[in-house]
């Protein structure tokens, strides 16, 4: 599958998405309203749908997911849930035991198999009155630690939006993730802006400016390069022009 420029919608060969019958926007830049329509269309057949949002650190994944969930739910009964991949970070104590804490955020510092298993359960769990609440782990940025059972997904949730760096990675247990997702979108943001956000994020949570820059240009950049190579597997490339204003931890 060959990639395209950032303003042309889905990649060639991508599955045709609801709201865009021909799988493209004829070269017209995507808007946030286009994304809302496409996400809404995923949940039309009565079963629970799972939408993945991938992208490099700082690309705007969290911001996009949160805006989608808020706008789709509106003022009515919530039918869209947000399950971040970050809840599957390994705890610092385990990273210390494994000798991986100095590169926290790399693919092997997550419980990828656990994340794939949760996605499978979310897909298979019956909805409506016969379904159960599925609890997913969250991630506390202040503590930089995962929190078990922090994210409830009610049986009324017909669309689950999940976001993270490695949804399209094909190595190890990460390769199981894609099969549980109806679509995966890839957030694309200019490198200068993405790096600025990451530095601000690390400073906000305690790093000095020098340490933040060193981490962003070292560990974070290695992860970003790995994620960028998975872009060609996305169903839709979302340009920065279609993203709402980003928060630093996006």
Protein backbone atom coordinates (compact mmCIF):
# COMPACT_ATOMS: atom_id res chain seq x y z
CA UNK A 1 0.00 0.00 0.00
CA UNK A 2 1.43 3.39 -0.93
CA UNK A 3 1.09 6.50 1.19
CA UNK A 4 -0.28 9.83 0.06
CA UNK A 5 0.19 13.44 1.05
CA UNK A 6 -1.37 14.65 4.26
CA UNK A 7 -4.36 16.43 2.72
CA UNK A 8 -5.98 13.75 0.57
CA UNK A 9 -8.02 11.66 3.00
CA UNK A 10 -7.74 7.86 3.15
CA UNK A 11 -4.77 6.01 1.78
CA UNK A 12 -5.12 4.11 -1.50
CA UNK A 13 -6.44 0.64 -0.81
CA UNK A 14 -8.02 1.60 2.51
CA UNK A 15 -11.41 0.17 3.38
CA UNK A 16 -14.20 2.48 2.28
CA UNK A 17 -15.47 4.36 5.26
CA UNK A 18 -19.04 5.43 6.09
CA UNK A 19 -19.78 8.92 4.84
CA UNK A 20 -17.16 8.74 2.09
CA UNK A 21 -18.49 6.08 -0.36
CA UNK A 22 -15.54 6.31 -2.74
CA UNK A 23 -12.98 6.16 0.08
CA UNK A 24 -11.61 9.66 -0.72
CA UNK A 25 -12.49 13.31 -0.47
CA UNK A 26 -11.30 14.01 -4.01
CA UNK A 27 -8.28 15.85 -2.70
CA UNK A 28 -10.35 18.28 -0.60
CA UNK A 29 -8.90 18.77 2.91
CA UNK A 30 -10.69 16.92 5.67
CA UNK A 31 -12.56 18.87 8.34
CA UNK A 32 -13.51 17.93 11.88
CA UNK A 33 -17.14 17.65 10.73
CA UNK A 34 -16.03 15.05 8.17
CA UNK A 35 -14.40 13.08 10.97
CA UNK A 36 -17.55 13.26 13.09
CA UNK A 37 -19.65 11.93 10.21
CA UNK A 38 -17.23 9.10 9.54
CA UNK A 39 -17.04 8.09 13.21
CA UNK A 40 -20.82 8.24 13.55
CA UNK A 41 -21.20 5.98 10.54
CA UNK A 42 -19.06 3.23 12.07
CA UNK A 43 -21.73 2.40 14.65
CA UNK A 44 -24.74 2.17 12.34
CA UNK A 45 -25.19 -1.59 12.07
CA UNK A 46 -26.16 -2.20 15.70
CA UNK A 47 -22.96 -3.84 16.93
CA UNK A 48 -20.27 -2.12 18.95
CA UNK A 49 -17.59 -0.53 16.76
CA UNK A 50 -14.01 0.27 17.72
CA UNK A 51 -12.18 3.25 16.22
CA UNK A 52 -8.43 3.54 16.69
CA UNK A 53 -6.44 6.76 16.48
CA UNK A 54 -2.70 6.36 16.00
CA UNK A 55 0.15 8.80 15.56
CA UNK A 56 3.51 9.83 16.96
CA UNK A 57 3.84 11.27 20.48
CA UNK A 58 2.41 14.79 20.54
CA UNK A 59 0.54 14.46 17.24
CA UNK A 60 -2.89 15.27 18.73
CA UNK A 61 -4.37 11.80 19.28
CA UNK A 62 -5.81 12.48 22.73
CA UNK A 63 -7.23 15.85 21.71
CA UNK A 64 -8.95 14.35 18.68
CA UNK A 65 -10.35 11.42 20.67
CA UNK A 66 -11.70 13.65 23.44
CA UNK A 67 -13.33 16.07 20.99
CA UNK A 68 -14.91 13.22 19.03
CA UNK A 69 -16.35 11.66 22.17
CA UNK A 70 -17.68 14.95 23.50
CA UNK A 71 -19.27 16.05 20.22
CA UNK A 72 -20.77 12.66 19.41
CA UNK A 73 -22.24 12.18 22.88
CA UNK A 74 -23.67 15.70 22.96
CA UNK A 75 -26.20 16.26 25.73
CA UNK A 76 -27.90 12.87 25.45
CA UNK A 77 -27.13 9.48 26.94
CA UNK A 78 -23.44 8.71 26.31
CA UNK A 79 -23.00 6.13 23.55
CA UNK A 80 -19.31 6.74 22.81
CA UNK A 81 -16.48 5.79 25.18
CA UNK A 82 -12.80 6.72 25.23
CA UNK A 83 -10.22 4.06 26.14
CA UNK A 84 -6.61 5.31 25.92
CA UNK A 85 -3.80 2.85 25.22
CA UNK A 86 -1.71 4.64 27.87
CA UNK A 87 -3.45 2.68 30.64
CA UNK A 88 -1.35 -0.28 29.56
CA UNK A 89 1.97 1.34 30.49
CA UNK A 90 3.95 -1.00 32.71
CA UNK A 91 4.39 0.36 36.23
CA UNK A 92 7.71 2.02 37.02
CA UNK A 93 8.57 -0.77 39.47
CA UNK A 94 8.26 -3.32 36.68
CA UNK A 95 10.22 -1.14 34.26
CA UNK A 96 12.98 -0.91 36.87
CA UNK A 97 12.99 -4.70 37.23
CA UNK A 98 13.23 -5.09 33.46
CA UNK A 99 15.81 -2.35 33.06
CA UNK A 100 13.60 -0.34 30.68
CA UNK A 101 12.63 2.74 32.66
CA UNK A 102 15.12 4.94 30.83
CA UNK A 103 13.10 4.46 27.64
CA UNK A 104 9.58 4.52 29.05
CA UNK A 105 7.10 4.86 26.20
CA UNK A 106 8.85 2.40 23.86
CA UNK A 107 6.74 -0.52 22.55
CA UNK A 108 8.15 -3.02 25.06
CA UNK A 109 7.26 -0.81 28.04
CA UNK A 110 3.54 -1.53 27.56
CA UNK A 111 1.38 -4.59 28.17
CA UNK A 112 0.54 -4.99 24.49
CA UNK A 113 -1.06 -8.42 24.95
CA UNK A 114 -3.31 -7.05 27.68
CA UNK A 115 -4.36 -4.15 25.47
CA UNK A 116 -5.22 -6.48 22.59
CA UNK A 117 -7.20 -8.71 24.96
CA UNK A 118 -9.21 -5.73 26.22
CA UNK A 119 -10.05 -4.66 22.67
CA UNK A 120 -11.21 -8.17 21.88
CA UNK A 121 -13.43 -8.20 24.96
CA UNK A 122 -14.88 -4.81 24.09
CA UNK A 123 -15.76 -6.11 20.64
CA UNK A 124 -17.29 -9.36 21.90
CA UNK A 125 -19.10 -8.07 25.00
CA UNK A 126 -22.86 -7.89 24.36
CA UNK A 127 -24.38 -4.45 24.63
CA UNK A 128 -27.70 -3.35 26.02
CA UNK A 129 -29.32 -4.83 29.14
CA UNK A 130 -27.46 -8.13 28.74
CA UNK A 131 -24.02 -6.52 28.75
CA UNK A 132 -21.64 -5.74 31.58
CA UNK A 133 -19.54 -2.69 32.26
CA UNK A 134 -16.01 -3.32 31.00
CA UNK A 135 -13.33 -1.64 33.10
CA UNK A 136 -10.14 -0.47 31.40
CA UNK A 137 -7.02 0.94 33.07
CA UNK A 138 -6.29 4.64 32.91
CA UNK A 139 -3.04 6.59 33.16
CA UNK A 140 -2.37 9.30 35.73
CA UNK A 141 -0.02 11.85 34.19
CA UNK A 142 0.91 13.47 37.51
CA UNK A 143 2.08 10.11 38.87
CA UNK A 144 3.16 8.79 35.46
CA UNK A 145 1.54 5.49 36.47
CA UNK A 146 -1.29 3.26 35.16
CA UNK A 147 -4.43 3.06 37.31
CA UNK A 148 -6.39 -0.20 37.20
CA UNK A 149 -10.15 -0.06 36.58
CA UNK A 150 -10.19 3.71 36.04
CA UNK A 151 -12.13 3.79 32.74
CA UNK A 152 -15.64 2.27 32.71
CA UNK A 153 -17.11 1.32 29.34
CA UNK A 154 -20.88 0.92 29.80
CA UNK A 155 -22.88 -1.64 27.80
CA UNK A 156 -24.63 1.30 26.11
CA UNK A 157 -21.38 2.31 24.39
CA UNK A 158 -21.85 1.53 20.69
CA UNK A 159 -18.58 3.18 19.69
CA UNK A 160 -15.29 2.93 21.56
CA UNK A 161 -12.53 5.36 20.58
CA UNK A 162 -9.06 4.17 21.55
CA UNK A 163 -5.85 6.06 20.88
CA UNK A 164 -2.14 5.45 21.22
CA UNK A 165 1.18 5.32 19.45
CA UNK A 166 1.38 1.68 18.44
CA UNK A 167 -2.04 0.65 17.10
CA UNK A 168 -0.57 -0.12 13.68
CA UNK A 169 2.67 -1.75 14.80
CA UNK A 170 3.17 -5.24 13.36
CA UNK A 171 5.68 -6.64 15.85
CA UNK A 172 5.04 -8.86 18.87
CA UNK A 173 1.66 -8.70 20.58
CA UNK A 174 1.01 -5.31 18.97
CA UNK A 175 0.23 -7.19 15.75
CA UNK A 176 -2.99 -8.47 17.39
CA UNK A 177 -4.38 -4.98 17.96
CA UNK A 178 -5.36 -4.00 14.41
CA UNK A 179 -7.71 -6.95 13.88
CA UNK A 180 -9.97 -5.76 16.71
CA UNK A 181 -10.43 -2.25 15.28
CA UNK A 182 -12.93 -1.29 12.59
CA UNK A 183 -10.78 1.60 11.42
CA UNK A 184 -7.53 3.26 12.42
CA UNK A 185 -6.89 6.92 11.70
CA UNK A 186 -3.42 8.44 11.76
CA UNK A 187 -2.88 11.96 13.14
CA UNK A 188 -0.28 13.94 11.26
CA UNK A 189 1.21 17.14 12.69
CA UNK A 190 4.19 19.26 11.66
CA UNK A 191 7.36 18.08 13.41
CA UNK A 192 8.18 21.49 14.90
CA UNK A 193 4.74 21.75 16.52
CA UNK A 194 4.76 18.13 17.68
CA UNK A 195 8.14 18.57 19.37
CA UNK A 196 7.06 21.85 20.97
CA UNK A 197 4.05 20.10 22.52
CA UNK A 198 6.17 17.25 23.85
CA UNK A 199 8.70 19.56 25.48
CA UNK A 200 5.84 21.50 27.11
CA UNK A 201 4.28 18.24 28.32
CA UNK A 202 7.47 17.03 30.00
CA UNK A 203 8.07 20.44 31.58
CA UNK A 204 4.49 20.51 32.90
CA UNK A 205 5.07 17.22 34.69
CA UNK A 206 8.35 18.11 36.32
CA UNK A 207 11.29 17.93 33.90
CA UNK A 208 13.64 20.86 33.47
CA UNK A 209 13.71 22.39 30.01
CA UNK A 210 17.07 20.78 29.25
CA UNK A 211 15.92 17.35 30.42
CA UNK A 212 12.65 17.70 28.49
CA UNK A 213 14.45 18.55 25.26
CA UNK A 214 16.90 15.68 25.75
CA UNK A 215 14.07 13.18 26.32
CA UNK A 216 12.03 14.45 23.37
CA UNK A 217 14.95 14.34 20.95
CA UNK A 218 16.11 10.97 22.28
CA UNK A 219 13.58 8.42 23.58
CA UNK A 220 10.49 10.17 22.20
CA UNK A 221 12.02 10.70 18.77
CA UNK A 222 13.02 7.05 18.41
CA UNK A 223 9.42 6.10 19.19
CA UNK A 224 8.10 8.76 16.81
CA UNK A 225 10.22 7.42 13.96
CA UNK A 226 8.89 3.92 14.60
CA UNK A 227 5.29 5.13 14.63
CA UNK A 228 5.73 7.23 11.47
CA UNK A 229 6.65 4.08 9.56
CA UNK A 230 3.20 2.59 10.36
CA UNK A 231 1.31 5.47 8.70
CA UNK A 232 0.85 3.49 5.48
CA UNK A 233 -1.40 0.98 7.28
CA UNK A 234 -3.95 3.61 8.34
CA UNK A 235 -7.45 3.81 6.88
CA UNK A 236 -7.40 7.59 7.08
CA UNK A 237 -4.65 10.17 7.48
CA UNK A 238 -5.93 13.12 9.51
CA UNK A 239 -4.06 16.37 8.76
CA UNK A 240 -3.44 19.00 11.40
CA UNK A 241 -5.99 21.26 9.68
CA UNK A 242 -8.78 18.84 10.67
CA UNK A 243 -7.72 18.63 14.32
CA UNK A 244 -9.20 20.75 17.10
CA UNK A 245 -6.74 22.84 19.16
CA UNK A 246 -4.36 20.42 20.87
CA UNK A 247 -3.63 20.11 24.57
CA UNK A 248 0.00 19.50 25.57
CA UNK A 249 -0.47 15.81 26.48
CA UNK A 250 -2.14 14.92 23.17
